[in-house]
Structures are given as structure tokens and as C-alpha cells.
Amino acid sequence: MIFSEKLQLLRKNKGLTQEELAERLDVSRQAVAKWESGQVYPDISNLIQISNLFNVTVDYLVRDQECTINISTNDTKTDLDKLIDFRLEANINTYAACMNKTASTRLDSHDFQYANGPFTYHDTYVGGEQFAGEEAIWQDGKAVYAMNYMGRVLGEQFNGDFLKEALCKADRNMPYRGPEYYQSGEYLYKCKVTGDFTWFQGYEEIYCNEIKVFECCFHGGLVR
């Protein structure tokens, strides 16, 4: 998705017309129209205003996610690159895809496990509408990564299938839970993270028709 498409999506999700957005940014409606048609690109001051208004990062706005190319090969990838790749692979082969569920490792827990090569991933959580859990990765039998999370459902319109759909959209730019921003129909997923894969804290939320129906806090990083 390119900038012009993201701006239209953000504006419409907030229920703003081009005129209303222009007024909030103190620019002309024609400027907004040109941004959304891809004719011109806003300057950095406008990008910062857009970022603040819609509560997304400038990085999200300017990165063309469809054109991002990873030129690394298996031979040139670092150990951290390989770990992140495996975490993303495990993500779409366990809870988010309703795959590889295993026997409970704790009383009344829900567990998922996935392995490939030297890596093994395990996710375990307790609860339902209010839940807590941990996922961890081992390399050659040694723990190398862990993340704890706790979340809750806030409204009847929450859709678990949408959460799983959003989690499956995680990529190398956001390999922690889901992407920074994802929308499908009336549902909107947002995720913010401080730090990097070695040490991070994050918060995700889901809105349905602008009403928050889910939230989850998480933190994690490398272990040694």
C-alpha cells in the first residue's frame, strides 16, 4: 500500500472529508486531493501533522510496504535476521492460523508449538476474554527469545477471526504481534512498539466502527 492509498484509508476511517482534513492540517483541499491522487507528496512538516492526527508513525506513512524488498540471502543473514524470520514463520503456523495446537503444559492452558531446523517455538496462554501468556523460541535447545502478553476483550463486537487475520500480517518491520496498521471492513487493528526485537514493549488495539473492542500489552526480547 502506497502513501496516497494509506492517506485515503486513514481519512475515511476517521470520518473526515478532504475539506475537513485540509482544515485540520491548515492546507488547501486541492493539496489533500493531490496527495491522495499521488500527484505530489507532502513535505515533512505535513507528514508529521498527519502522523500526529491519525496516531501512526511517519515511517508507516512513507514506506511502500508492497515494494519493500529483502535482498538478504540465507548466507548473508545474521543470527538475529534468522530468528526474526523464524518468529514470523511460526506466527502463521500456530495460533493465528489455528494450527499446531498441542497438549496443555499448565492447568487449563492453551498451547501451540512449531519447529523448523534449529528453532522451536512455543506459545502458551490462559484465559479467554481476559488472558495472559508467553511465547518463547529455542535455538538448538537453548532459549533465545521470549515475549509476555496480557489482553482483554472490551466489547461484544470483538471478532477473534479478525485478530488472527491481523496477526498473520506481521512482517519484518513489525515482527512482534501484528502490523502497525491493518484494516478490513469495519475493523481496524493498531500496534505500537518502542525498542527493537532485542528489547521491546508494545500495545495493540482493535476498533470496530471507531469503538475500541480489544487491547493487549506485551513486552519481550532476547534472553541469554
C-alpha atoms as a PDB file:
ATOM      1  CA  MET A   1       0.000   0.000   0.000  1.00  0.00           C
ATOM      2  CA  ILE A   2       1.459   3.376  -1.030  1.00  0.00           C
ATOM      3  CA  PHE A   3       1.130   6.732   0.751  1.00  0.00           C
ATOM      4  CA  SER A   4      -1.828   8.018  -1.279  1.00  0.00           C
ATOM      5  CA  GLU A   5      -3.829   4.872  -0.503  1.00  0.00           C
ATOM      6  CA  LYS A   6      -2.885   4.973   3.189  1.00  0.00           C
ATOM      7  CA  LEU A   7      -3.943   8.615   3.494  1.00  0.00           C
ATOM      8  CA  GLN A   8      -7.355   7.925   1.961  1.00  0.00           C
ATOM      9  CA  LEU A   9      -7.844   4.921   4.255  1.00  0.00           C
ATOM     10  CA  LEU A  10      -6.859   6.876   7.368  1.00  0.00           C
ATOM     11  CA  ARG A  11      -9.022   9.870   6.449  1.00  0.00           C
ATOM     12  CA  LYS A  12     -12.118   7.801   5.684  1.00  0.00           C
ATOM     13  CA  ASN A  13     -11.686   5.681   8.802  1.00  0.00           C
ATOM     14  CA  LYS A  14     -11.707   8.864  10.873  1.00  0.00           C
ATOM     15  CA  GLY A  15     -14.829  10.032   9.050  1.00  0.00           C
ATOM     16  CA  LEU A  16     -13.230  13.129   7.553  1.00  0.00           C
ATOM     17  CA  THR A  17     -13.843  14.699   4.162  1.00  0.00           C
ATOM     18  CA  GLN A  18     -10.938  16.109   2.172  1.00  0.00           C
ATOM     19  CA  GLU A  19     -12.076  19.589   3.175  1.00  0.00           C
ATOM     20  CA  GLU A  20     -12.128  18.695   6.873  1.00  0.00           C
ATOM     21  CA  LEU A  21      -8.682  17.106   6.709  1.00  0.00           C
ATOM     22  CA  ALA A  22      -7.327  20.132   4.873  1.00  0.00           C
ATOM     23  CA  GLU A  23      -8.725  22.415   7.583  1.00  0.00           C
ATOM     24  CA  ARG A  24      -7.088  20.402  10.362  1.00  0.00           C
ATOM     25  CA  LEU A  25      -3.740  20.457   8.553  1.00  0.00           C
ATOM     26  CA  ASP A  26      -4.104  24.124   7.559  1.00  0.00           C
ATOM     27  CA  VAL A  27      -3.656  23.354   3.855  1.00  0.00           C
ATOM     28  CA  SER A  28      -5.938  23.638   0.836  1.00  0.00           C
ATOM     29  CA  ARG A  29      -8.384  20.928  -0.175  1.00  0.00           C
ATOM     30  CA  GLN A  30      -6.559  20.826  -3.505  1.00  0.00           C
ATOM     31  CA  ALA A  31      -3.361  19.857  -1.679  1.00  0.00           C
ATOM     32  CA  VAL A  32      -5.092  16.934   0.023  1.00  0.00           C
ATOM     33  CA  ALA A  33      -6.641  15.879  -3.296  1.00  0.00           C
ATOM     34  CA  LYS A  34      -3.218  15.875  -4.958  1.00  0.00           C
ATOM     35  CA  TRP A  35      -1.715  13.834  -2.096  1.00  0.00           C
ATOM     36  CA  GLU A  36      -4.488  11.252  -2.364  1.00  0.00           C
ATOM     37  CA  SER A  37      -4.201  11.041  -6.151  1.00  0.00           C
ATOM     38  CA  GLY A  38      -0.442  10.546  -5.908  1.00  0.00           C
ATOM     39  CA  GLN A  39       0.359  13.680  -7.917  1.00  0.00           C
ATOM     40  CA  VAL A  40       2.502  15.254  -5.198  1.00  0.00           C
ATOM     41  CA  TYR A  41       3.923  14.289  -1.824  1.00  0.00           C
ATOM     42  CA  PRO A  42       3.513  16.312   1.420  1.00  0.00           C
ATOM     43  CA  ASP A  43       6.580  17.896   2.964  1.00  0.00           C
ATOM     44  CA  ILE A  44       7.984  16.667   6.271  1.00  0.00           C
ATOM     45  CA  SER A  45       6.029  19.169   8.384  1.00  0.00           C
ATOM     46  CA  ASN A  46       2.749  17.982   6.847  1.00  0.00           C
ATOM     47  CA  LEU A  47       3.781  14.349   7.283  1.00  0.00           C
ATOM     48  CA  ILE A  48       4.376  14.978  10.986  1.00  0.00           C
ATOM     49  CA  GLN A  49       0.944  16.615  11.315  1.00  0.00           C
ATOM     50  CA  ILE A  50      -0.692  13.672   9.521  1.00  0.00           C
ATOM     51  CA  SER A  51       1.212  11.259  11.763  1.00  0.00           C
ATOM     52  CA  ASN A  52       0.000  13.024  14.909  1.00  0.00           C
ATOM     53  CA  LEU A  53      -3.575  13.379  13.687  1.00  0.00           C
ATOM     54  CA  PHE A  54      -4.029   9.704  12.804  1.00  0.00           C
ATOM     55  CA  ASN A  55      -1.804   8.296  15.542  1.00  0.00           C
ATOM     56  CA  VAL A  56       0.550   6.432  13.188  1.00  0.00           C
ATOM     57  CA  THR A  57       4.278   6.827  12.599  1.00  0.00           C
ATOM     58  CA  VAL A  58       5.852   8.792   9.767  1.00  0.00           C
ATOM     59  CA  ASP A  59       7.727   5.603   8.892  1.00  0.00           C
ATOM     60  CA  TYR A  60       4.421   3.814   8.314  1.00  0.00           C
ATOM     61  CA  LEU A  61       3.192   6.645   6.098  1.00  0.00           C
ATOM     62  CA  VAL A  62       6.224   6.865   3.828  1.00  0.00           C
ATOM     63  CA  ARG A  63       7.194   3.204   3.489  1.00  0.00           C
ATOM     64  CA  ASP A  64       5.785   1.483   0.419  1.00  0.00           C
ATOM     65  CA  GLN A  65       5.189  -1.902   2.027  1.00  0.00           C
ATOM     66  CA  GLU A  66       4.419  -3.601  -1.279  1.00  0.00           C
ATOM     67  CA  CYS A  67       7.753  -2.510  -2.721  1.00  0.00           C
ATOM     68  CA  THR A  68       9.922  -3.398   0.257  1.00  0.00           C
ATOM     69  CA  ILE A  69      12.454  -5.970  -0.894  1.00  0.00           C
ATOM     70  CA  ASN A  70      14.657  -8.047   1.375  1.00  0.00           C
ATOM     71  CA  ILE A  71      17.873  -8.587  -0.585  1.00  0.00           C
ATOM     72  CA  SER A  72      19.492 -10.701   2.099  1.00  0.00           C
ATOM     73  CA  THR A  73      20.218 -14.325   1.298  1.00  0.00           C
ATOM     74  CA  ASN A  74      20.413 -17.161   3.782  1.00  0.00           C
ATOM     75  CA  ASP A  75      24.185 -16.922   3.597  1.00  0.00           C
ATOM     76  CA  THR A  76      24.304 -13.222   4.471  1.00  0.00           C
ATOM     77  CA  LYS A  77      21.543 -13.073   7.081  1.00  0.00           C
ATOM     78  CA  THR A  78      22.640 -12.529  10.663  1.00  0.00           C
ATOM     79  CA  ASP A  79      21.543 -14.784  13.508  1.00  0.00           C
ATOM     80  CA  LEU A  80      19.029 -12.103  14.508  1.00  0.00           C
ATOM     81  CA  ASP A  81      17.634 -11.993  10.947  1.00  0.00           C
ATOM     82  CA  LYS A  82      17.146 -15.755  11.008  1.00  0.00           C
ATOM     83  CA  LEU A  83      15.474 -15.573  14.426  1.00  0.00           C
ATOM     84  CA  ILE A  84      13.050 -12.872  13.242  1.00  0.00           C
ATOM     85  CA  ASP A  85      12.275 -14.848  10.069  1.00  0.00           C
ATOM     86  CA  PHE A  86      11.512 -17.924  12.163  1.00  0.00           C
ATOM     87  CA  ARG A  87       9.284 -15.961  14.563  1.00  0.00           C
ATOM     88  CA  LEU A  88       7.245 -14.736  11.571  1.00  0.00           C
ATOM     89  CA  GLU A  89       7.108 -18.259  10.153  1.00  0.00           C
ATOM     90  CA  ALA A  90       5.959 -19.682  13.493  1.00  0.00           C
ATOM     91  CA  ASN A  91       3.379 -16.911  13.803  1.00  0.00           C
ATOM     92  CA  ILE A  92       1.499 -18.042  10.686  1.00  0.00           C
ATOM     93  CA  ASN A  93       1.754 -21.705  11.660  1.00  0.00           C
ATOM     94  CA  THR A  94       0.302 -21.582  15.184  1.00  0.00           C
ATOM     95  CA  TYR A  95      -2.436 -19.579  16.978  1.00  0.00           C
ATOM     96  CA  ALA A  96      -3.027 -17.021  14.214  1.00  0.00           C
ATOM     97  CA  ALA A  97      -3.707 -19.832  11.740  1.00  0.00           C
ATOM     98  CA  CYS A  98      -5.315 -22.267  14.219  1.00  0.00           C
ATOM     99  CA  MET A  99      -2.503 -24.739  13.573  1.00  0.00           C
ATOM    100  CA  ASN A 100      -0.154 -26.948  15.608  1.00  0.00           C
ATOM    101  CA  LYS A 101      -2.079 -26.871  18.872  1.00  0.00           C
ATOM    102  CA  THR A 102      -0.538 -29.180  21.484  1.00  0.00           C
ATOM    103  CA  ALA A 103      -1.452 -30.619  24.872  1.00  0.00           C
ATOM    104  CA  SER A 104      -1.650 -28.172  27.791  1.00  0.00           C
ATOM    105  CA  THR A 105       1.631 -27.608  29.597  1.00  0.00           C
ATOM    106  CA  ARG A 106      -0.106 -25.923  32.546  1.00  0.00           C
ATOM    107  CA  LEU A 107      -3.514 -26.299  34.171  1.00  0.00           C
ATOM    108  CA  ASP A 108      -6.201 -25.033  31.775  1.00  0.00           C
ATOM    109  CA  SER A 109      -3.655 -23.564  29.340  1.00  0.00           C
ATOM    110  CA  HIS A 110      -3.838 -23.333  25.537  1.00  0.00           C
ATOM    111  CA  ASP A 111      -0.592 -24.289  23.822  1.00  0.00           C
ATOM    112  CA  PHE A 112       0.871 -24.172  20.313  1.00  0.00           C
ATOM    113  CA  GLN A 113       4.235 -25.433  19.127  1.00  0.00           C
ATOM    114  CA  TYR A 114       6.148 -25.196  15.857  1.00  0.00           C
ATOM    115  CA  ALA A 115       9.686 -26.243  14.884  1.00  0.00           C
ATOM    116  CA  ASN A 116      11.887 -25.820  11.831  1.00  0.00           C
ATOM    117  CA  GLY A 117      15.599 -26.571  11.629  1.00  0.00           C
ATOM    118  CA  PRO A 118      17.404 -25.480  14.808  1.00  0.00           C
ATOM    119  CA  PHE A 119      14.444 -23.403  16.038  1.00  0.00           C
ATOM    120  CA  THR A 120      11.465 -24.363  18.212  1.00  0.00           C
ATOM    121  CA  TYR A 121       8.599 -22.004  19.078  1.00  0.00           C
ATOM    122  CA  HIS A 122       6.083 -22.456  21.896  1.00  0.00           C
ATOM    123  CA  ASP A 123       3.122 -20.240  22.764  1.00  0.00           C
ATOM    124  CA  THR A 124       1.062 -20.841  25.910  1.00  0.00           C
ATOM    125  CA  TYR A 125      -1.739 -18.759  27.403  1.00  0.00           C
ATOM    126  CA  VAL A 126      -4.520 -18.964  29.966  1.00  0.00           C
ATOM    127  CA  GLY A 127      -7.897 -17.254  29.972  1.00  0.00           C
ATOM    128  CA  GLY A 128     -10.248 -16.243  27.210  1.00  0.00           C
ATOM    129  CA  GLU A 129     -11.885 -12.828  27.116  1.00  0.00           C
ATOM    130  CA  GLN A 130      -9.166 -11.718  29.546  1.00  0.00           C
ATOM    131  CA  PHE A 131      -5.954 -13.638  29.006  1.00  0.00           C
ATOM    132  CA  ALA A 132      -2.220 -13.787  29.693  1.00  0.00           C
ATOM    133  CA  GLY A 133       0.522 -15.775  28.051  1.00  0.00           C
ATOM    134  CA  GLU A 134       4.059 -16.162  26.851  1.00  0.00           C
ATOM    135  CA  GLU A 135       5.734 -17.208  23.655  1.00  0.00           C
ATOM    136  CA  ALA A 136       9.347 -18.331  23.501  1.00  0.00           C
ATOM    137  CA  ILE A 137      11.866 -19.548  20.948  1.00  0.00           C
ATOM    138  CA  TRP A 138      14.705 -22.015  21.440  1.00  0.00           C
ATOM    139  CA  GLN A 139      17.687 -22.454  19.135  1.00  0.00           C
ATOM    140  CA  ASP A 140      19.465 -25.805  19.346  1.00  0.00           C
ATOM    141  CA  GLY A 141      17.675 -26.399  22.640  1.00  0.00           C
ATOM    142  CA  LYS A 142      18.696 -23.082  24.218  1.00  0.00           C
ATOM    143  CA  ALA A 143      16.168 -20.311  24.943  1.00  0.00           C
ATOM    144  CA  VAL A 144      16.969 -17.233  22.842  1.00  0.00           C
ATOM    145  CA  TYR A 145      13.755 -15.151  22.792  1.00  0.00           C
ATOM    146  CA  ALA A 146      10.611 -14.640  24.874  1.00  0.00           C
ATOM    147  CA  MET A 147       7.582 -12.345  24.945  1.00  0.00           C
ATOM    148  CA  ASN A 148       4.877 -11.950  27.602  1.00  0.00           C
ATOM    149  CA  TYR A 149       1.452 -10.565  26.786  1.00  0.00           C
ATOM    150  CA  MET A 150      -1.831  -9.760  28.532  1.00  0.00           C
ATOM    151  CA  GLY A 151      -5.017  -8.654  26.851  1.00  0.00           C
ATOM    152  CA  ARG A 152      -8.770  -8.379  27.142  1.00  0.00           C
ATOM    153  CA  VAL A 153     -11.927  -8.105  25.084  1.00  0.00           C
ATOM    154  CA  LEU A 154     -13.677  -4.765  25.630  1.00  0.00           C
ATOM    155  CA  GLY A 155     -16.823  -5.068  23.525  1.00  0.00           C
ATOM    156  CA  GLU A 156     -19.311  -7.538  22.103  1.00  0.00           C
ATOM    157  CA  GLN A 157     -18.298  -6.588  18.559  1.00  0.00           C
ATOM    158  CA  PHE A 158     -14.830  -8.080  19.026  1.00  0.00           C
ATOM    159  CA  ASN A 159     -14.011 -10.582  16.284  1.00  0.00           C
ATOM    160  CA  GLY A 160     -11.379 -13.201  17.080  1.00  0.00           C
ATOM    161  CA  ASP A 161     -11.003 -14.117  13.422  1.00  0.00           C
ATOM    162  CA  PHE A 162     -10.068 -10.517  12.617  1.00  0.00           C
ATOM    163  CA  LEU A 163      -7.405 -10.550  15.360  1.00  0.00           C
ATOM    164  CA  LYS A 164      -5.888 -13.703  13.875  1.00  0.00           C
ATOM    165  CA  GLU A 165      -6.058 -12.176  10.397  1.00  0.00           C
ATOM    166  CA  ALA A 166      -4.200  -9.100  11.647  1.00  0.00           C
ATOM    167  CA  LEU A 167      -1.554 -11.159  13.458  1.00  0.00           C
ATOM    168  CA  CYS A 168      -0.872 -13.020  10.218  1.00  0.00           C
ATOM    169  CA  LYS A 169       0.036  -9.675   8.614  1.00  0.00           C
ATOM    170  CA  ALA A 170       3.135  -9.207  10.796  1.00  0.00           C
ATOM    171  CA  ASP A 171       6.294  -8.564   8.760  1.00  0.00           C
ATOM    172  CA  ARG A 172       9.990  -7.853   9.271  1.00  0.00           C
ATOM    173  CA  ASN A 173       9.215  -4.210  10.044  1.00  0.00           C
ATOM    174  CA  MET A 174       6.825  -5.256  12.845  1.00  0.00           C
ATOM    175  CA  PRO A 175       7.646  -8.868  13.840  1.00  0.00           C
ATOM    176  CA  TYR A 176       6.285  -8.665  17.390  1.00  0.00           C
ATOM    177  CA  ARG A 177       2.496  -9.243  17.193  1.00  0.00           C
ATOM    178  CA  GLY A 178       0.762  -7.722  14.135  1.00  0.00           C
ATOM    179  CA  PRO A 179       1.470  -4.837  11.729  1.00  0.00           C
ATOM    180  CA  GLU A 180       1.424  -1.211  12.749  1.00  0.00           C
ATOM    181  CA  TYR A 181      -1.897  -0.650  10.995  1.00  0.00           C
ATOM    182  CA  TYR A 182      -4.361  -3.060   9.364  1.00  0.00           C
ATOM    183  CA  GLN A 183      -7.984  -2.620   8.366  1.00  0.00           C
ATOM    184  CA  SER A 184     -10.613  -4.968   6.972  1.00  0.00           C
ATOM    185  CA  GLY A 185     -14.190  -3.804   6.626  1.00  0.00           C
ATOM    186  CA  GLU A 186     -15.403  -2.199   9.839  1.00  0.00           C
ATOM    187  CA  TYR A 187     -12.449  -3.483  11.871  1.00  0.00           C
ATOM    188  CA  LEU A 188      -9.184  -1.640  12.460  1.00  0.00           C
ATOM    189  CA  TYR A 189      -6.048  -3.043  14.129  1.00  0.00           C
ATOM    190  CA  LYS A 190      -3.276  -0.792  15.503  1.00  0.00           C
ATOM    191  CA  CYS A 191       0.014  -1.744  17.101  1.00  0.00           C
ATOM    192  CA  LYS A 192       2.721   0.465  18.610  1.00  0.00           C
ATOM    193  CA  VAL A 193       6.144  -0.695  19.763  1.00  0.00           C
ATOM    194  CA  THR A 194       9.099   1.002  21.436  1.00  0.00           C
ATOM    195  CA  GLY A 195      12.507  -0.624  21.181  1.00  0.00           C
ATOM    196  CA  ASP A 196      13.572  -3.343  18.765  1.00  0.00           C
ATOM    197  CA  PHE A 197      13.469  -7.122  18.607  1.00  0.00           C
ATOM    198  CA  THR A 198      16.212  -7.409  21.208  1.00  0.00           C
ATOM    199  CA  TRP A 199      14.222  -5.468  23.876  1.00  0.00           C
ATOM    200  CA  PHE A 200      10.750  -4.018  23.315  1.00  0.00           C
ATOM    201  CA  GLN A 201       7.404  -3.010  24.778  1.00  0.00           C
ATOM    202  CA  GLY A 202       4.201  -2.734  22.817  1.00  0.00           C
ATOM    203  CA  TYR A 203       0.460  -2.164  22.813  1.00  0.00           C
ATOM    204  CA  GLU A 204      -2.137  -3.344  20.304  1.00  0.00           C
ATOM    205  CA  GLU A 205      -5.809  -2.479  19.987  1.00  0.00           C
ATOM    206  CA  ILE A 206      -8.760  -3.257  17.757  1.00  0.00           C
ATOM    207  CA  TYR A 207     -11.586  -0.879  16.852  1.00  0.00           C
ATOM    208  CA  CYS A 208     -14.952  -1.687  15.338  1.00  0.00           C
ATOM    209  CA  ASN A 209     -16.618   1.359  13.804  1.00  0.00           C
ATOM    210  CA  GLU A 210     -14.255   3.559  15.868  1.00  0.00           C
ATOM    211  CA  ILE A 211     -15.198   1.820  19.137  1.00  0.00           C
ATOM    212  CA  LYS A 212     -12.309   0.066  20.895  1.00  0.00           C
ATOM    213  CA  VAL A 213     -13.221  -3.600  21.410  1.00  0.00           C
ATOM    214  CA  PHE A 214      -9.840  -5.181  22.281  1.00  0.00           C
ATOM    215  CA  GLU A 215      -6.475  -4.283  23.795  1.00  0.00           C
ATOM    216  CA  CYS A 216      -3.276  -6.149  24.623  1.00  0.00           C
ATOM    217  CA  CYS A 217       0.025  -5.126  26.233  1.00  0.00           C
ATOM    218  CA  PHE A 218       3.212  -7.068  25.547  1.00  0.00           C
ATOM    219  CA  HIS A 219       6.952  -6.923  26.138  1.00  0.00           C
ATOM    220  CA  GLY A 220       9.888  -9.115  25.283  1.00  0.00           C
ATOM    221  CA  GLY A 221      13.258  -9.538  23.651  1.00  0.00           C
ATOM    222  CA  LEU A 222      16.317 -11.747  23.520  1.00  0.00           C
ATOM    223  CA  VAL A 223      17.205 -13.914  26.502  1.00  0.00           C
ATOM    224  CA  ARG A 224      20.619 -15.269  27.441  1.00  0.00           C
END
